[in-house]
């Protein structure tokens, strides 16, 4: 689980939306954009916020 302080400063590199943590059955632990259209994986507790890693939902 990421800290509240970290989540307050992280944003989607594509849309600049705020992110929140979720656990998706198909993808596991991810960060979701506010509109829940894009997810970014969290690997070993580290968010991977690269455009190439974005998952369109």
PDB file of N, CA and C in Angstrom:
ATOM      1  N   UNK A   1       0.838  -1.180   0.000  1.00  0.00           N
ATOM      2  CA  UNK A   1       0.000   0.000   0.000  1.00  0.00           C
ATOM      3  C   UNK A   1       0.885   1.245   0.000  1.00  0.00           C
ATOM      4  N   UNK A   2       0.581   2.149  -0.897  1.00  0.00           N
ATOM      5  CA  UNK A   2       1.346   3.386  -0.996  1.00  0.00           C
ATOM      6  C   UNK A   2       0.847   4.395   0.036  1.00  0.00           C
ATOM      7  N   UNK A   3       1.730   5.257   0.471  1.00  0.00           N
ATOM      8  CA  UNK A   3       1.351   6.254   1.477  1.00  0.00           C
ATOM      9  C   UNK A   3       0.409   7.294   0.872  1.00  0.00           C
ATOM     10  N   UNK A   4      -0.392   7.867   1.745  1.00  0.00           N
ATOM     11  CA  UNK A   4      -1.332   8.922   1.338  1.00  0.00           C
ATOM     12  C   UNK A   4      -0.580  10.103   0.730  1.00  0.00           C
ATOM     13  N   UNK A   5       0.547  10.440   1.317  1.00  0.00           N
ATOM     14  CA  UNK A   5       1.340  11.577   0.835  1.00  0.00           C
ATOM     15  C   UNK A   5       1.844  11.338  -0.589  1.00  0.00           C
ATOM     16  N   UNK A   6       2.277  10.101  -0.867  1.00  0.00           N
ATOM     17  CA  UNK A   6       2.756   9.779  -2.208  1.00  0.00           C
ATOM     18  C   UNK A   6       1.614   9.838  -3.218  1.00  0.00           C
ATOM     19  N   UNK A   7       0.464   9.273  -2.863  1.00  0.00           N
ATOM     20  CA  UNK A   7      -0.682   9.293  -3.780  1.00  0.00           C
ATOM     21  C   UNK A   7      -1.153  10.719  -4.088  1.00  0.00           C
ATOM     22  N   UNK A   8      -0.955  11.633  -3.143  1.00  0.00           N
ATOM     23  CA  UNK A   8      -1.368  13.026  -3.363  1.00  0.00           C
ATOM     24  C   UNK A   8      -0.516  13.726  -4.418  1.00  0.00           C
ATOM     25  N   UNK A   9       0.710  13.248  -4.656  1.00  0.00           N
ATOM     26  CA  UNK A   9       1.572  13.930  -5.623  1.00  0.00           C
ATOM     27  C   UNK A   9       1.712  13.183  -6.952  1.00  0.00           C
ATOM     28  N   UNK A  10       1.321  11.907  -6.970  1.00  0.00           N
ATOM     29  CA  UNK A  10       1.418  11.142  -8.219  1.00  0.00           C
ATOM     30  C   UNK A  10       0.274  11.489  -9.157  1.00  0.00           C
ATOM     31  N   UNK A  11       0.582  11.512 -10.449  1.00  0.00           N
ATOM     32  CA  UNK A  11      -0.470  11.724 -11.435  1.00  0.00           C
ATOM     33  C   UNK A  11      -0.150  10.931 -12.699  1.00  0.00           C
ATOM     34  N   UNK A  12      -1.149  10.748 -13.510  1.00  0.00           N
ATOM     35  CA  UNK A  12      -0.996  10.018 -14.768  1.00  0.00           C
ATOM     36  C   UNK A  12      -0.087  10.829 -15.698  1.00  0.00           C
ATOM     37  N   UNK A  13       0.939  10.205 -16.263  1.00  0.00           N
ATOM     38  CA  UNK A  13       1.828  10.943 -17.168  1.00  0.00           C
ATOM     39  C   UNK A  13       1.156  11.322 -18.492  1.00  0.00           C
ATOM     40  N   UNK A  14       0.046  10.671 -18.829  1.00  0.00           N
ATOM     41  CA  UNK A  14      -0.652  10.978 -20.085  1.00  0.00           C
ATOM     42  C   UNK A  14      -1.713  12.057 -19.913  1.00  0.00           C
ATOM     43  N   UNK A  15      -2.543  11.924 -18.872  1.00  0.00           N
ATOM     44  CA  UNK A  15      -3.691  12.832 -18.711  1.00  0.00           C
ATOM     45  C   UNK A  15      -3.567  13.789 -17.536  1.00  0.00           C
ATOM     46  N   UNK A  16      -2.581  13.569 -16.681  1.00  0.00           N
ATOM     47  CA  UNK A  16      -2.340  14.382 -15.475  1.00  0.00           C
ATOM     48  C   UNK A  16      -3.441  14.224 -14.428  1.00  0.00           C
ATOM     49  N   UNK A  17      -4.274  13.188 -14.547  1.00  0.00           N
ATOM     50  CA  UNK A  17      -5.301  12.916 -13.546  1.00  0.00           C
ATOM     51  C   UNK A  17      -4.669  12.330 -12.286  1.00  0.00           C
ATOM     52  N   UNK A  18      -5.338  12.531 -11.158  1.00  0.00           N
ATOM     53  CA  UNK A  18      -4.900  11.901  -9.920  1.00  0.00           C
ATOM     54  C   UNK A  18      -5.079  10.400 -10.038  1.00  0.00           C
ATOM     55  N   UNK A  19      -4.325   9.657  -9.233  1.00  0.00           N
ATOM     56  CA  UNK A  19      -4.353   8.204  -9.267  1.00  0.00           C
ATOM     57  C   UNK A  19      -4.793   7.656  -7.915  1.00  0.00           C
ATOM     58  N   UNK A  20      -5.419   6.490  -7.932  1.00  0.00           N
ATOM     59  CA  UNK A  20      -5.757   5.794  -6.697  1.00  0.00           C
ATOM     60  C   UNK A  20      -5.459   4.310  -6.864  1.00  0.00           C
ATOM     61  N   UNK A  21      -5.191   3.665  -5.749  1.00  0.00           N
ATOM     62  CA  UNK A  21      -4.836   2.247  -5.777  1.00  0.00           C
ATOM     63  C   UNK A  21      -6.065   1.374  -5.971  1.00  0.00           C
ATOM     64  N   UNK A  22      -5.861   0.271  -6.677  1.00  0.00           N
ATOM     65  CA  UNK A  22      -6.919  -0.721  -6.869  1.00  0.00           C
ATOM     66  C   UNK A  22      -6.266  -2.076  -7.085  1.00  0.00           C
ATOM     67  N   UNK A  23      -7.054  -3.107  -6.884  1.00  0.00           N
ATOM     68  CA  UNK A  23      -6.583  -4.451  -7.163  1.00  0.00           C
ATOM     69  C   UNK A  23      -7.526  -5.035  -8.202  1.00  0.00           C
ATOM     70  N   UNK A  24      -7.052  -5.138  -9.427  1.00  0.00           N
ATOM     71  CA  UNK A  24      -7.867  -5.650 -10.519  1.00  0.00           C
ATOM     72  C   UNK A  24      -7.571  -7.126 -10.728  1.00  0.00           C
ATOM     73  N   UNK A  25      -8.605  -7.914 -10.856  1.00  0.00           N
ATOM     74  CA  UNK A  25      -8.444  -9.363 -10.990  1.00  0.00           C
ATOM     75  C   UNK A  25      -7.484  -9.737 -12.112  1.00  0.00           C
ATOM     76  N   UNK A  26      -7.625  -9.080 -13.252  1.00  0.00           N
ATOM     77  CA  UNK A  26      -6.813  -9.423 -14.421  1.00  0.00           C
ATOM     78  C   UNK A  26      -5.371  -8.916 -14.323  1.00  0.00           C
ATOM     79  N   UNK A  27      -5.160  -7.763 -13.667  1.00  0.00           N
ATOM     80  CA  UNK A  27      -3.845  -7.118 -13.668  1.00  0.00           C
ATOM     81  C   UNK A  27      -3.163  -7.063 -12.307  1.00  0.00           C
ATOM     82  N   UNK A  28      -3.855  -7.382 -11.245  1.00  0.00           N
ATOM     83  CA  UNK A  28      -3.271  -7.299  -9.910  1.00  0.00           C
ATOM     84  C   UNK A  28      -3.323  -5.889  -9.358  1.00  0.00           C
ATOM     85  N   UNK A  29      -2.334  -5.551  -8.553  1.00  0.00           N
ATOM     86  CA  UNK A  29      -2.291  -4.237  -7.915  1.00  0.00           C
ATOM     87  C   UNK A  29      -1.876  -3.176  -8.932  1.00  0.00           C
ATOM     88  N   UNK A  30      -2.695  -2.121  -9.039  1.00  0.00           N
ATOM     89  CA  UNK A  30      -2.448  -1.058 -10.012  1.00  0.00           C
ATOM     90  C   UNK A  30      -2.799   0.298  -9.409  1.00  0.00           C
ATOM     91  N   UNK A  31      -2.392   1.335 -10.126  1.00  0.00           N
ATOM     92  CA  UNK A  31      -2.871   2.690  -9.869  1.00  0.00           C
ATOM     93  C   UNK A  31      -3.827   3.032 -10.999  1.00  0.00           C
ATOM     94  N   UNK A  32      -5.031   3.480 -10.650  1.00  0.00           N
ATOM     95  CA  UNK A  32      -6.041   3.846 -11.640  1.00  0.00           C
ATOM     96  C   UNK A  32      -6.171   5.354 -11.734  1.00  0.00           C
ATOM     97  N   UNK A  33      -6.433   5.835 -12.939  1.00  0.00           N
ATOM     98  CA  UNK A  33      -6.729   7.256 -13.108  1.00  0.00           C
ATOM     99  C   UNK A  33      -8.110   7.540 -12.528  1.00  0.00           C
ATOM    100  N   UNK A  34      -8.395   8.809 -12.278  1.00  0.00           N
ATOM    101  CA  UNK A  34      -9.668   9.207 -11.679  1.00  0.00           C
ATOM    102  C   UNK A  34     -10.861   8.737 -12.515  1.00  0.00           C
ATOM    103  N   UNK A  35     -10.730   8.743 -13.834  1.00  0.00           N
ATOM    104  CA  UNK A  35     -11.838   8.285 -14.685  1.00  0.00           C
ATOM    105  C   UNK A  35     -11.850   6.770 -14.879  1.00  0.00           C
ATOM    106  N   UNK A  36     -10.880   6.083 -14.285  1.00  0.00           N
ATOM    107  CA  UNK A  36     -10.739   4.624 -14.315  1.00  0.00           C
ATOM    108  C   UNK A  36     -10.650   4.051 -15.732  1.00  0.00           C
ATOM    109  N   UNK A  37     -10.054   4.811 -16.636  1.00  0.00           N
ATOM    110  CA  UNK A  37      -9.854   4.344 -18.006  1.00  0.00           C
ATOM    111  C   UNK A  37      -8.433   3.860 -18.263  1.00  0.00           C
ATOM    112  N   UNK A  38      -7.509   4.197 -17.364  1.00  0.00           N
ATOM    113  CA  UNK A  38      -6.112   3.813 -17.528  1.00  0.00           C
ATOM    114  C   UNK A  38      -5.570   3.311 -16.194  1.00  0.00           C
ATOM    115  N   UNK A  39      -4.771   2.251 -16.261  1.00  0.00           N
ATOM    116  CA  UNK A  39      -4.145   1.691 -15.058  1.00  0.00           C
ATOM    117  C   UNK A  39      -2.645   1.589 -15.279  1.00  0.00           C
ATOM    118  N   UNK A  40      -1.902   1.695 -14.184  1.00  0.00           N
ATOM    119  CA  UNK A  40      -0.456   1.529 -14.199  1.00  0.00           C
ATOM    120  C   UNK A  40      -0.105   0.459 -13.178  1.00  0.00           C
ATOM    121  N   UNK A  41       0.740  -0.486 -13.546  1.00  0.00           N
ATOM    122  CA  UNK A  41       1.069  -1.569 -12.619  1.00  0.00           C
ATOM    123  C   UNK A  41       1.894  -1.092 -11.428  1.00  0.00           C
ATOM    124  N   UNK A  42       1.739  -1.812 -10.328  1.00  0.00           N
ATOM    125  CA  UNK A  42       2.597  -1.627  -9.158  1.00  0.00           C
ATOM    126  C   UNK A  42       3.371  -2.927  -9.026  1.00  0.00           C
ATOM    127  N   UNK A  43       4.673  -2.861  -9.190  1.00  0.00           N
ATOM    128  CA  UNK A  43       5.533  -4.050  -9.131  1.00  0.00           C
ATOM    129  C   UNK A  43       6.460  -3.970  -7.929  1.00  0.00           C
ATOM    130  N   UNK A  44       6.380  -4.966  -7.091  1.00  0.00           N
ATOM    131  CA  UNK A  44       7.202  -5.008  -5.867  1.00  0.00           C
ATOM    132  C   UNK A  44       7.052  -3.735  -5.045  1.00  0.00           C
ATOM    133  N   UNK A  45       5.829  -3.205  -4.994  1.00  0.00           N
ATOM    134  CA  UNK A  45       5.547  -2.004  -4.214  1.00  0.00           C
ATOM    135  C   UNK A  45       5.936  -0.708  -4.886  1.00  0.00           C
ATOM    136  N   UNK A  46       6.388  -0.759  -6.145  1.00  0.00           N
ATOM    137  CA  UNK A  46       6.834   0.439  -6.858  1.00  0.00           C
ATOM    138  C   UNK A  46       5.908   0.707  -8.046  1.00  0.00           C
ATOM    139  N   UNK A  47       5.256   1.886  -8.093  1.00  0.00           N
ATOM    140  CA  UNK A  47       4.400   2.209  -9.235  1.00  0.00           C
ATOM    141  C   UNK A  47       5.234   2.417 -10.499  1.00  0.00           C
ATOM    142  N   UNK A  48       4.788   1.837 -11.593  1.00  0.00           N
ATOM    143  CA  UNK A  48       5.481   1.967 -12.875  1.00  0.00           C
ATOM    144  C   UNK A  48       4.665   2.937 -13.731  1.00  0.00           C
ATOM    145  N   UNK A  49       5.043   4.211 -13.675  1.00  0.00           N
ATOM    146  CA  UNK A  49       4.288   5.263 -14.356  1.00  0.00           C
ATOM    147  C   UNK A  49       4.924   5.643 -15.691  1.00  0.00           C
ATOM    148  N   UNK A  50       5.111   4.657 -16.529  1.00  0.00           N
ATOM    149  CA  UNK A  50       5.660   4.884 -17.856  1.00  0.00           C
ATOM    150  C   UNK A  50       4.539   4.782 -18.883  1.00  0.00           C
ATOM    151  N   UNK A  51       4.569   5.659 -19.876  1.00  0.00           N
ATOM    152  CA  UNK A  51       3.538   5.632 -20.916  1.00  0.00           C
ATOM    153  C   UNK A  51       3.453   4.261 -21.572  1.00  0.00           C
ATOM    154  N   UNK A  52       4.598   3.611 -21.725  1.00  0.00           N
ATOM    155  CA  UNK A  52       4.645   2.296 -22.378  1.00  0.00           C
ATOM    156  C   UNK A  52       3.986   1.214 -21.534  1.00  0.00           C
ATOM    157  N   UNK A  53       3.843   1.436 -20.243  1.00  0.00           N
ATOM    158  CA  UNK A  53       3.253   0.457 -19.327  1.00  0.00           C
ATOM    159  C   UNK A  53       1.774   0.705 -19.061  1.00  0.00           C
ATOM    160  N   UNK A  54       1.211   1.786 -19.591  1.00  0.00           N
ATOM    161  CA  UNK A  54      -0.189   2.112 -19.367  1.00  0.00           C
ATOM    162  C   UNK A  54      -1.093   1.007 -19.900  1.00  0.00           C
ATOM    163  N   UNK A  55      -2.114   0.678 -19.125  1.00  0.00           N
ATOM    164  CA  UNK A  55      -3.087  -0.340 -19.519  1.00  0.00           C
ATOM    165  C   UNK A  55      -4.414   0.363 -19.765  1.00  0.00           C
ATOM    166  N   UNK A  56      -4.891   0.327 -21.002  1.00  0.00           N
ATOM    167  CA  UNK A  56      -6.193   0.916 -21.330  1.00  0.00           C
ATOM    168  C   UNK A  56      -7.294  -0.024 -20.857  1.00  0.00           C
ATOM    169  N   UNK A  57      -8.239   0.507 -20.112  1.00  0.00           N
ATOM    170  CA  UNK A  57      -9.332  -0.327 -19.581  1.00  0.00           C
ATOM    171  C   UNK A  57     -10.627  -0.066 -20.315  1.00  0.00           C
TER     172      UNK A  57
END
